[in-house]
Amino acid sequence: MTDPERYLLAAGAAVLGGLVNAIAGGGSLITFPALVAGGLSNVGASVTNTVALFPGYLGATVAQRRDLAGQGKRAAILLPCSAVGGVAGALLLLHTGEAVFKLIVPYLIALAALLLATQERLRRYLLHRVKHAHSEAWCALPVALAAIYGGYFGAGMGVMILAALAVLLDDTLVRINALKQAISLAVNVAAALVFVFSDEVDWPLAGTMLAGSLVGGGVGGMIASRIPESVLRWTVVSLAAVVAAIYWWK
């Protein structure tokens, strides 16, 4: 694959990934395989993907900042845990090496696809759950574990965090989702800061994807109400199943 083809593939995947994230989530299931197809190692693709998609998490957090009002205590407890988990996951990725990550990645993709496939059912369950007020401290461990996963791979992390928060906190799902966005941002930034000082980031591709994700996210935000979320979700799930099958076959 020539360099222009690699950049075109990365830019297109980033636009589509940003659009998918804005509407249904799961954009990394598109961008990660595209980077691997463009010639990056599995570790290099995961690292570059994390660095390149930072604007999407920032944009989502800013867009929902009003729903974060009054959640300062929660954020003070959970954001540091999230950042530590993100750093731990990033270091784990860099130190386990290519062979281990290549062995694990099809299972991670399959897990992310499963989480995305059951996302709507999970939301319905959480909306009708029995409400119990718990201390924010109870959320620290499950959120930290999800953050480690997010720093290591990323796809599906948001669903994990949302589930932990919604089960343990007594609040509306809208406000909990806003907190989830802030936690996801903390994980992504922490992991990206570790990756920036590694030799695994493909900076030209990361820059191309950063621009593409901004475009895709903006377009996704404008058309989110026009595209059935279920259609896009199941398209991504099907794509992820194919990608995971290819990895297993290899």
C-alpha atoms as a PDB file:
ATOM      1  CA  MET A   1       0.000   0.000   0.000  1.00  0.00           C
ATOM      2  CA  THR A   2       1.417   3.388  -1.023  1.00  0.00           C
ATOM      3  CA  ASP A   3       1.663   6.315   1.400  1.00  0.00           C
ATOM      4  CA  PRO A   4      -1.189   8.262  -0.249  1.00  0.00           C
ATOM      5  CA  GLU A   5      -3.388   5.158   0.044  1.00  0.00           C
ATOM      6  CA  ARG A   6      -2.477   4.730   3.728  1.00  0.00           C
ATOM      7  CA  TYR A   7      -3.336   8.343   4.520  1.00  0.00           C
ATOM      8  CA  LEU A   8      -6.561   8.176   2.535  1.00  0.00           C
ATOM      9  CA  LEU A   9      -7.576   4.987   4.351  1.00  0.00           C
ATOM     10  CA  ALA A  10      -6.732   6.493   7.761  1.00  0.00           C
ATOM     11  CA  ALA A  11      -8.584   9.745   7.012  1.00  0.00           C
ATOM     12  CA  GLY A  12     -11.669   7.932   5.734  1.00  0.00           C
ATOM     13  CA  ALA A  13     -11.724   5.586   8.727  1.00  0.00           C
ATOM     14  CA  ALA A  14     -11.328   8.547  11.107  1.00  0.00           C
ATOM     15  CA  VAL A  15     -14.236  10.417   9.513  1.00  0.00           C
ATOM     16  CA  LEU A  16     -16.423   7.320   9.703  1.00  0.00           C
ATOM     17  CA  GLY A  17     -15.209   6.506  13.214  1.00  0.00           C
ATOM     18  CA  GLY A  18     -15.933  10.046  14.416  1.00  0.00           C
ATOM     19  CA  LEU A  19     -19.404   9.886  12.885  1.00  0.00           C
ATOM     20  CA  VAL A  20     -20.113   6.488  14.476  1.00  0.00           C
ATOM     21  CA  ASN A  21     -18.894   7.673  17.882  1.00  0.00           C
ATOM     22  CA  ALA A  22     -21.184  10.697  17.703  1.00  0.00           C
ATOM     23  CA  ILE A  23     -24.235   8.563  16.938  1.00  0.00           C
ATOM     24  CA  ALA A  24     -23.788   5.101  18.412  1.00  0.00           C
ATOM     25  CA  GLY A  25     -20.254   4.639  19.771  1.00  0.00           C
ATOM     26  CA  GLY A  26     -17.720   2.018  18.711  1.00  0.00           C
ATOM     27  CA  GLY A  27     -15.684   4.127  16.289  1.00  0.00           C
ATOM     28  CA  SER A  28     -12.431   2.433  17.341  1.00  0.00           C
ATOM     29  CA  LEU A  29     -13.741  -0.789  15.832  1.00  0.00           C
ATOM     30  CA  ILE A  30     -13.383   0.980  12.469  1.00  0.00           C
ATOM     31  CA  THR A  31     -10.225   3.025  12.957  1.00  0.00           C
ATOM     32  CA  PHE A  32      -8.077   0.333  14.599  1.00  0.00           C
ATOM     33  CA  PRO A  33      -8.400  -2.262  11.782  1.00  0.00           C
ATOM     34  CA  ALA A  34      -7.844   0.490   9.206  1.00  0.00           C
ATOM     35  CA  LEU A  35      -4.521   1.396  10.817  1.00  0.00           C
ATOM     36  CA  VAL A  36      -3.460  -2.255  10.866  1.00  0.00           C
ATOM     37  CA  ALA A  37      -4.465  -2.588   7.206  1.00  0.00           C
ATOM     38  CA  GLY A  38      -2.336   0.492   6.527  1.00  0.00           C
ATOM     39  CA  GLY A  39       0.767  -1.321   7.714  1.00  0.00           C
ATOM     40  CA  LEU A  40       1.023  -0.483  11.415  1.00  0.00           C
ATOM     41  CA  SER A  41       1.691  -3.146  13.997  1.00  0.00           C
ATOM     42  CA  ASN A  42      -1.194  -4.017  16.313  1.00  0.00           C
ATOM     43  CA  VAL A  43       0.423  -2.134  19.196  1.00  0.00           C
ATOM     44  CA  GLY A  44       1.298   0.820  16.964  1.00  0.00           C
ATOM     45  CA  ALA A  45      -2.256   0.935  15.634  1.00  0.00           C
ATOM     46  CA  SER A  46      -3.773   0.933  19.133  1.00  0.00           C
ATOM     47  CA  VAL A  47      -1.375   3.625  20.343  1.00  0.00           C
ATOM     48  CA  THR A  48      -1.865   5.856  17.293  1.00  0.00           C
ATOM     49  CA  ASN A  49      -5.625   5.363  17.498  1.00  0.00           C
ATOM     50  CA  THR A  50      -5.728   6.504  21.135  1.00  0.00           C
ATOM     51  CA  VAL A  51      -3.706   9.639  20.438  1.00  0.00           C
ATOM     52  CA  ALA A  52      -5.621  10.517  17.270  1.00  0.00           C
ATOM     53  CA  LEU A  53      -9.156  10.200  18.676  1.00  0.00           C
ATOM     54  CA  PHE A  54      -8.642  12.507  21.671  1.00  0.00           C
ATOM     55  CA  PRO A  55     -10.710  15.356  20.112  1.00  0.00           C
ATOM     56  CA  GLY A  56     -13.800  13.150  20.045  1.00  0.00           C
ATOM     57  CA  TYR A  57     -13.724  12.572  23.806  1.00  0.00           C
ATOM     58  CA  LEU A  58     -13.054  16.259  24.448  1.00  0.00           C
ATOM     59  CA  GLY A  59     -15.925  17.319  22.207  1.00  0.00           C
ATOM     60  CA  ALA A  60     -18.361  14.910  23.854  1.00  0.00           C
ATOM     61  CA  THR A  61     -17.414  16.152  27.326  1.00  0.00           C
ATOM     62  CA  VAL A  62     -17.776  19.815  26.357  1.00  0.00           C
ATOM     63  CA  ALA A  63     -21.127  19.123  24.678  1.00  0.00           C
ATOM     64  CA  GLN A  64     -22.511  17.619  27.899  1.00  0.00           C
ATOM     65  CA  ARG A  65     -20.866  19.976  30.376  1.00  0.00           C
ATOM     66  CA  ARG A  66     -24.229  21.250  31.665  1.00  0.00           C
ATOM     67  CA  ASP A  67     -25.134  17.765  32.865  1.00  0.00           C
ATOM     68  CA  LEU A  68     -21.893  17.648  34.866  1.00  0.00           C
ATOM     69  CA  ALA A  69     -23.123  20.451  37.132  1.00  0.00           C
ATOM     70  CA  GLY A  70     -23.285  19.321  40.754  1.00  0.00           C
ATOM     71  CA  GLN A  71     -21.106  16.263  40.162  1.00  0.00           C
ATOM     72  CA  GLY A  72     -17.884  17.786  41.429  1.00  0.00           C
ATOM     73  CA  LYS A  73     -17.547  15.351  44.348  1.00  0.00           C
ATOM     74  CA  ARG A  74     -17.958  12.364  42.050  1.00  0.00           C
ATOM     75  CA  ALA A  75     -15.472  13.767  39.569  1.00  0.00           C
ATOM     76  CA  ALA A  76     -12.936  14.472  42.325  1.00  0.00           C
ATOM     77  CA  ILE A  77     -13.029  10.800  43.316  1.00  0.00           C
ATOM     78  CA  LEU A  78     -13.410   9.080  39.957  1.00  0.00           C
ATOM     79  CA  LEU A  79     -11.302  11.160  37.560  1.00  0.00           C
ATOM     80  CA  PRO A  80      -7.995  10.481  39.369  1.00  0.00           C
ATOM     81  CA  CYS A  81      -8.838   6.754  39.481  1.00  0.00           C
ATOM     82  CA  SER A  82      -9.611   6.889  35.787  1.00  0.00           C
ATOM     83  CA  ALA A  83      -6.354   8.637  34.947  1.00  0.00           C
ATOM     84  CA  VAL A  84      -4.331   6.131  36.970  1.00  0.00           C
ATOM     85  CA  GLY A  85      -6.144   3.269  35.255  1.00  0.00           C
ATOM     86  CA  GLY A  86      -5.495   4.795  31.849  1.00  0.00           C
ATOM     87  CA  VAL A  87      -1.778   5.096  32.596  1.00  0.00           C
ATOM     88  CA  ALA A  88      -1.676   1.510  33.875  1.00  0.00           C
ATOM     89  CA  GLY A  89      -3.400   0.203  30.755  1.00  0.00           C
ATOM     90  CA  ALA A  90      -1.091   2.186  28.478  1.00  0.00           C
ATOM     91  CA  LEU A  91       2.027   0.913  30.250  1.00  0.00           C
ATOM     92  CA  LEU A  92       0.651  -2.616  30.115  1.00  0.00           C
ATOM     93  CA  LEU A  93       0.228  -2.323  26.361  1.00  0.00           C
ATOM     94  CA  LEU A  94       3.744  -0.983  25.823  1.00  0.00           C
ATOM     95  CA  HIS A  95       5.366  -3.638  28.001  1.00  0.00           C
ATOM     96  CA  THR A  96       3.451  -6.764  26.982  1.00  0.00           C
ATOM     97  CA  GLY A  97       4.693  -6.474  23.418  1.00  0.00           C
ATOM     98  CA  GLU A  98       3.324  -7.199  19.961  1.00  0.00           C
ATOM     99  CA  ALA A  99       2.999 -10.990  20.266  1.00  0.00           C
ATOM    100  CA  VAL A 100       0.792 -10.887  23.370  1.00  0.00           C
ATOM    101  CA  PHE A 101      -1.364  -8.043  22.058  1.00  0.00           C
ATOM    102  CA  LYS A 102      -1.817  -9.790  18.705  1.00  0.00           C
ATOM    103  CA  LEU A 103      -3.004 -12.881  20.579  1.00  0.00           C
ATOM    104  CA  ILE A 104      -5.455 -10.921  22.740  1.00  0.00           C
ATOM    105  CA  VAL A 105      -6.795  -8.404  20.211  1.00  0.00           C
ATOM    106  CA  PRO A 106      -9.465 -10.629  18.547  1.00  0.00           C
ATOM    107  CA  TYR A 107     -10.980 -11.285  21.968  1.00  0.00           C
ATOM    108  CA  LEU A 108     -10.908  -7.568  22.763  1.00  0.00           C
ATOM    109  CA  ILE A 109     -12.631  -6.769  19.465  1.00  0.00           C
ATOM    110  CA  ALA A 110     -15.237  -9.458  20.122  1.00  0.00           C
ATOM    111  CA  LEU A 111     -15.821  -8.097  23.633  1.00  0.00           C
ATOM    112  CA  ALA A 112     -16.226  -4.565  22.307  1.00  0.00           C
ATOM    113  CA  ALA A 113     -18.673  -5.810  19.663  1.00  0.00           C
ATOM    114  CA  LEU A 114     -20.677  -7.670  22.321  1.00  0.00           C
ATOM    115  CA  LEU A 115     -20.854  -4.564  24.501  1.00  0.00           C
ATOM    116  CA  LEU A 116     -21.983  -2.467  21.559  1.00  0.00           C
ATOM    117  CA  ALA A 117     -24.554  -5.073  20.520  1.00  0.00           C
ATOM    118  CA  THR A 118     -26.101  -5.158  23.994  1.00  0.00           C
ATOM    119  CA  GLN A 119     -25.795  -1.429  24.629  1.00  0.00           C
ATOM    120  CA  GLU A 120     -29.459  -0.608  24.073  1.00  0.00           C
ATOM    121  CA  ARG A 121     -30.657  -3.548  26.162  1.00  0.00           C
ATOM    122  CA  LEU A 122     -28.242  -2.490  28.886  1.00  0.00           C
ATOM    123  CA  ARG A 123     -29.602   1.044  28.771  1.00  0.00           C
ATOM    124  CA  ARG A 124     -33.194  -0.184  29.114  1.00  0.00           C
ATOM    125  CA  TYR A 125     -32.227  -2.332  32.066  1.00  0.00           C
ATOM    126  CA  LEU A 126     -30.439   0.549  33.746  1.00  0.00           C
ATOM    127  CA  LEU A 127     -33.355   2.919  33.165  1.00  0.00           C
ATOM    128  CA  HIS A 128     -35.708   0.491  34.926  1.00  0.00           C
ATOM    129  CA  ARG A 129     -33.307  -0.683  37.613  1.00  0.00           C
ATOM    130  CA  VAL A 130     -34.172  -0.443  41.275  1.00  0.00           C
ATOM    131  CA  LYS A 131     -32.572   2.730  42.525  1.00  0.00           C
ATOM    132  CA  HIS A 132     -30.155   2.499  45.407  1.00  0.00           C
ATOM    133  CA  ALA A 133     -28.005   5.380  46.543  1.00  0.00           C
ATOM    134  CA  HIS A 134     -24.388   4.410  47.007  1.00  0.00           C
ATOM    135  CA  SER A 135     -21.262   6.314  47.827  1.00  0.00           C
ATOM    136  CA  GLU A 136     -19.166   7.408  44.867  1.00  0.00           C
ATOM    137  CA  ALA A 137     -16.288   5.470  46.421  1.00  0.00           C
ATOM    138  CA  TRP A 138     -18.025   2.201  45.468  1.00  0.00           C
ATOM    139  CA  CYS A 139     -17.570   3.155  41.819  1.00  0.00           C
ATOM    140  CA  ALA A 140     -13.814   3.628  42.085  1.00  0.00           C
ATOM    141  CA  LEU A 141     -12.775  -0.011  41.602  1.00  0.00           C
ATOM    142  CA  PRO A 142     -15.006  -0.926  38.622  1.00  0.00           C
ATOM    143  CA  VAL A 143     -14.245   2.405  36.951  1.00  0.00           C
ATOM    144  CA  ALA A 144     -10.510   1.895  37.486  1.00  0.00           C
ATOM    145  CA  LEU A 145     -10.721  -1.593  35.952  1.00  0.00           C
ATOM    146  CA  ALA A 146     -12.604  -0.224  32.938  1.00  0.00           C
ATOM    147  CA  ALA A 147      -9.968   2.520  32.680  1.00  0.00           C
ATOM    148  CA  ILE A 148      -7.170  -0.057  32.555  1.00  0.00           C
ATOM    149  CA  TYR A 149      -8.987  -1.783  29.717  1.00  0.00           C
ATOM    150  CA  GLY A 150      -9.471   1.595  28.023  1.00  0.00           C
ATOM    151  CA  GLY A 151      -5.801   2.489  28.276  1.00  0.00           C
ATOM    152  CA  TYR A 152      -4.882  -0.912  26.861  1.00  0.00           C
ATOM    153  CA  PHE A 153      -7.338  -1.053  23.947  1.00  0.00           C
ATOM    154  CA  GLY A 154     -10.239   1.397  24.277  1.00  0.00           C
ATOM    155  CA  ALA A 155     -13.139   0.106  22.181  1.00  0.00           C
ATOM    156  CA  GLY A 156     -16.149  -0.620  24.382  1.00  0.00           C
ATOM    157  CA  MET A 157     -14.714   1.232  27.363  1.00  0.00           C
ATOM    158  CA  GLY A 158     -17.569   3.736  27.497  1.00  0.00           C
ATOM    159  CA  VAL A 159     -20.212   1.021  27.829  1.00  0.00           C
ATOM    160  CA  MET A 160     -18.232  -0.577  30.677  1.00  0.00           C
ATOM    161  CA  ILE A 161     -17.977   2.731  32.527  1.00  0.00           C
ATOM    162  CA  LEU A 162     -21.646   3.592  31.942  1.00  0.00           C
ATOM    163  CA  ALA A 163     -22.746   0.228  33.350  1.00  0.00           C
ATOM    164  CA  ALA A 164     -20.635   0.621  36.495  1.00  0.00           C
ATOM    165  CA  LEU A 165     -21.844   4.165  37.157  1.00  0.00           C
ATOM    166  CA  ALA A 166     -25.505   3.524  36.430  1.00  0.00           C
ATOM    167  CA  VAL A 167     -25.704   0.491  38.698  1.00  0.00           C
ATOM    168  CA  LEU A 168     -23.924   2.141  41.614  1.00  0.00           C
ATOM    169  CA  LEU A 169     -25.114   5.753  41.424  1.00  0.00           C
ATOM    170  CA  ASP A 170     -28.628   7.037  42.043  1.00  0.00           C
ATOM    171  CA  ASP A 171     -29.062   9.607  39.279  1.00  0.00           C
ATOM    172  CA  THR A 172     -30.542  10.078  35.818  1.00  0.00           C
ATOM    173  CA  LEU A 173     -28.877   8.257  32.954  1.00  0.00           C
ATOM    174  CA  VAL A 174     -28.319  11.579  31.177  1.00  0.00           C
ATOM    175  CA  ARG A 175     -26.199  12.939  34.038  1.00  0.00           C
ATOM    176  CA  ILE A 176     -24.416   9.617  34.462  1.00  0.00           C
ATOM    177  CA  ASN A 177     -23.617   9.580  30.747  1.00  0.00           C
ATOM    178  CA  ALA A 178     -22.079  13.047  31.042  1.00  0.00           C
ATOM    179  CA  LEU A 179     -19.887  11.799  33.882  1.00  0.00           C
ATOM    180  CA  LYS A 180     -18.947   8.815  31.741  1.00  0.00           C
ATOM    181  CA  GLN A 181     -17.759  11.184  28.993  1.00  0.00           C
ATOM    182  CA  ALA A 182     -15.527  13.051  31.440  1.00  0.00           C
ATOM    183  CA  ILE A 183     -14.096   9.787  32.770  1.00  0.00           C
ATOM    184  CA  SER A 184     -13.469   8.528  29.226  1.00  0.00           C
ATOM    185  CA  LEU A 185     -11.658  11.784  28.458  1.00  0.00           C
ATOM    186  CA  ALA A 186      -9.461  11.367  31.558  1.00  0.00           C
ATOM    187  CA  VAL A 187      -8.569   7.807  30.544  1.00  0.00           C
ATOM    188  CA  ASN A 188      -7.803   8.802  26.978  1.00  0.00           C
ATOM    189  CA  VAL A 189      -5.663  11.804  27.929  1.00  0.00           C
ATOM    190  CA  ALA A 190      -3.706   9.815  30.522  1.00  0.00           C
ATOM    191  CA  ALA A 191      -3.035   6.968  28.106  1.00  0.00           C
ATOM    192  CA  ALA A 192      -2.190   9.369  25.263  1.00  0.00           C
ATOM    193  CA  LEU A 193       0.364  11.194  27.444  1.00  0.00           C
ATOM    194  CA  VAL A 194       2.132   7.866  28.032  1.00  0.00           C
ATOM    195  CA  PHE A 195       2.027   7.003  24.342  1.00  0.00           C
ATOM    196  CA  VAL A 196       3.347  10.415  23.276  1.00  0.00           C
ATOM    197  CA  PHE A 197       6.692   9.550  24.865  1.00  0.00           C
ATOM    198  CA  SER A 198       6.871   6.135  23.230  1.00  0.00           C
ATOM    199  CA  ASP A 199       8.161   5.355  19.764  1.00  0.00           C
ATOM    200  CA  GLU A 200       4.912   3.705  18.703  1.00  0.00           C
ATOM    201  CA  VAL A 201       2.904   6.725  17.519  1.00  0.00           C
ATOM    202  CA  ASP A 202       2.773   7.247  13.763  1.00  0.00           C
ATOM    203  CA  TRP A 203       2.482  11.024  13.912  1.00  0.00           C
ATOM    204  CA  PRO A 204       1.638  11.715  10.251  1.00  0.00           C
ATOM    205  CA  LEU A 205      -1.206   9.183  10.394  1.00  0.00           C
ATOM    206  CA  ALA A 206      -2.286  10.466  13.812  1.00  0.00           C
ATOM    207  CA  GLY A 207      -2.503  14.014  12.454  1.00  0.00           C
ATOM    208  CA  THR A 208      -4.513  12.868   9.462  1.00  0.00           C
ATOM    209  CA  MET A 209      -6.909  10.950  11.703  1.00  0.00           C
ATOM    210  CA  LEU A 210      -7.249  13.823  14.153  1.00  0.00           C
ATOM    211  CA  ALA A 211      -8.545  16.063  11.377  1.00  0.00           C
ATOM    212  CA  GLY A 212     -10.777  13.307  10.065  1.00  0.00           C
ATOM    213  CA  SER A 213     -12.288  12.549  13.468  1.00  0.00           C
ATOM    214  CA  LEU A 214     -13.130  16.219  13.954  1.00  0.00           C
ATOM    215  CA  VAL A 215     -14.963  16.272  10.622  1.00  0.00           C
ATOM    216  CA  GLY A 216     -16.742  12.990  11.309  1.00  0.00           C
ATOM    217  CA  GLY A 217     -17.745  14.037  14.798  1.00  0.00           C
ATOM    218  CA  GLY A 218     -19.163  17.322  13.533  1.00  0.00           C
ATOM    219  CA  VAL A 219     -21.139  15.635  10.777  1.00  0.00           C
ATOM    220  CA  GLY A 220     -22.322  12.935  13.173  1.00  0.00           C
ATOM    221  CA  GLY A 221     -23.581  15.535  15.594  1.00  0.00           C
ATOM    222  CA  MET A 222     -25.630  17.200  12.858  1.00  0.00           C
ATOM    223  CA  ILE A 223     -27.220  14.030  11.484  1.00  0.00           C
ATOM    224  CA  ALA A 224     -27.503  12.013  14.687  1.00  0.00           C
ATOM    225  CA  SER A 225     -31.257  12.524  14.794  1.00  0.00           C
ATOM    226  CA  ARG A 226     -31.735  11.392  11.187  1.00  0.00           C
ATOM    227  CA  ILE A 227     -29.948   8.022  11.201  1.00  0.00           C
ATOM    228  CA  PRO A 228     -31.441   5.174  13.230  1.00  0.00           C
ATOM    229  CA  GLU A 229     -28.887   4.426  15.928  1.00  0.00           C
ATOM    230  CA  SER A 230     -29.739   0.727  15.809  1.00  0.00           C
ATOM    231  CA  VAL A 231     -28.883   0.498  12.103  1.00  0.00           C
ATOM    232  CA  LEU A 232     -25.481   2.067  12.573  1.00  0.00           C
ATOM    233  CA  ARG A 233     -24.785   0.056  15.726  1.00  0.00           C
ATOM    234  CA  TRP A 234     -25.485  -3.277  14.069  1.00  0.00           C
ATOM    235  CA  THR A 235     -23.420  -2.289  11.051  1.00  0.00           C
ATOM    236  CA  VAL A 236     -20.450  -1.663  13.337  1.00  0.00           C
ATOM    237  CA  VAL A 237     -21.118  -4.868  15.293  1.00  0.00           C
ATOM    238  CA  SER A 238     -21.179  -6.893  12.063  1.00  0.00           C
ATOM    239  CA  LEU A 239     -17.954  -5.272  10.904  1.00  0.00           C
ATOM    240  CA  ALA A 240     -16.315  -6.008  14.238  1.00  0.00           C
ATOM    241  CA  ALA A 241     -17.404  -9.663  14.061  1.00  0.00           C
ATOM    242  CA  VAL A 242     -15.794  -9.983  10.630  1.00  0.00           C
ATOM    243  CA  VAL A 243     -12.581  -8.296  11.826  1.00  0.00           C
ATOM    244  CA  ALA A 244     -12.390 -10.555  14.897  1.00  0.00           C
ATOM    245  CA  ALA A 245     -12.947 -13.635  12.704  1.00  0.00           C
ATOM    246  CA  ILE A 246     -10.117 -12.545  10.407  1.00  0.00           C
ATOM    247  CA  TYR A 247      -7.769 -12.112  13.372  1.00  0.00           C
ATOM    248  CA  TRP A 248      -8.687 -15.548  14.712  1.00  0.00           C
ATOM    249  CA  TRP A 249      -8.145 -17.087  11.270  1.00  0.00           C
ATOM    250  CA  LYS A 250      -4.702 -15.505  11.060  1.00  0.00           C
END
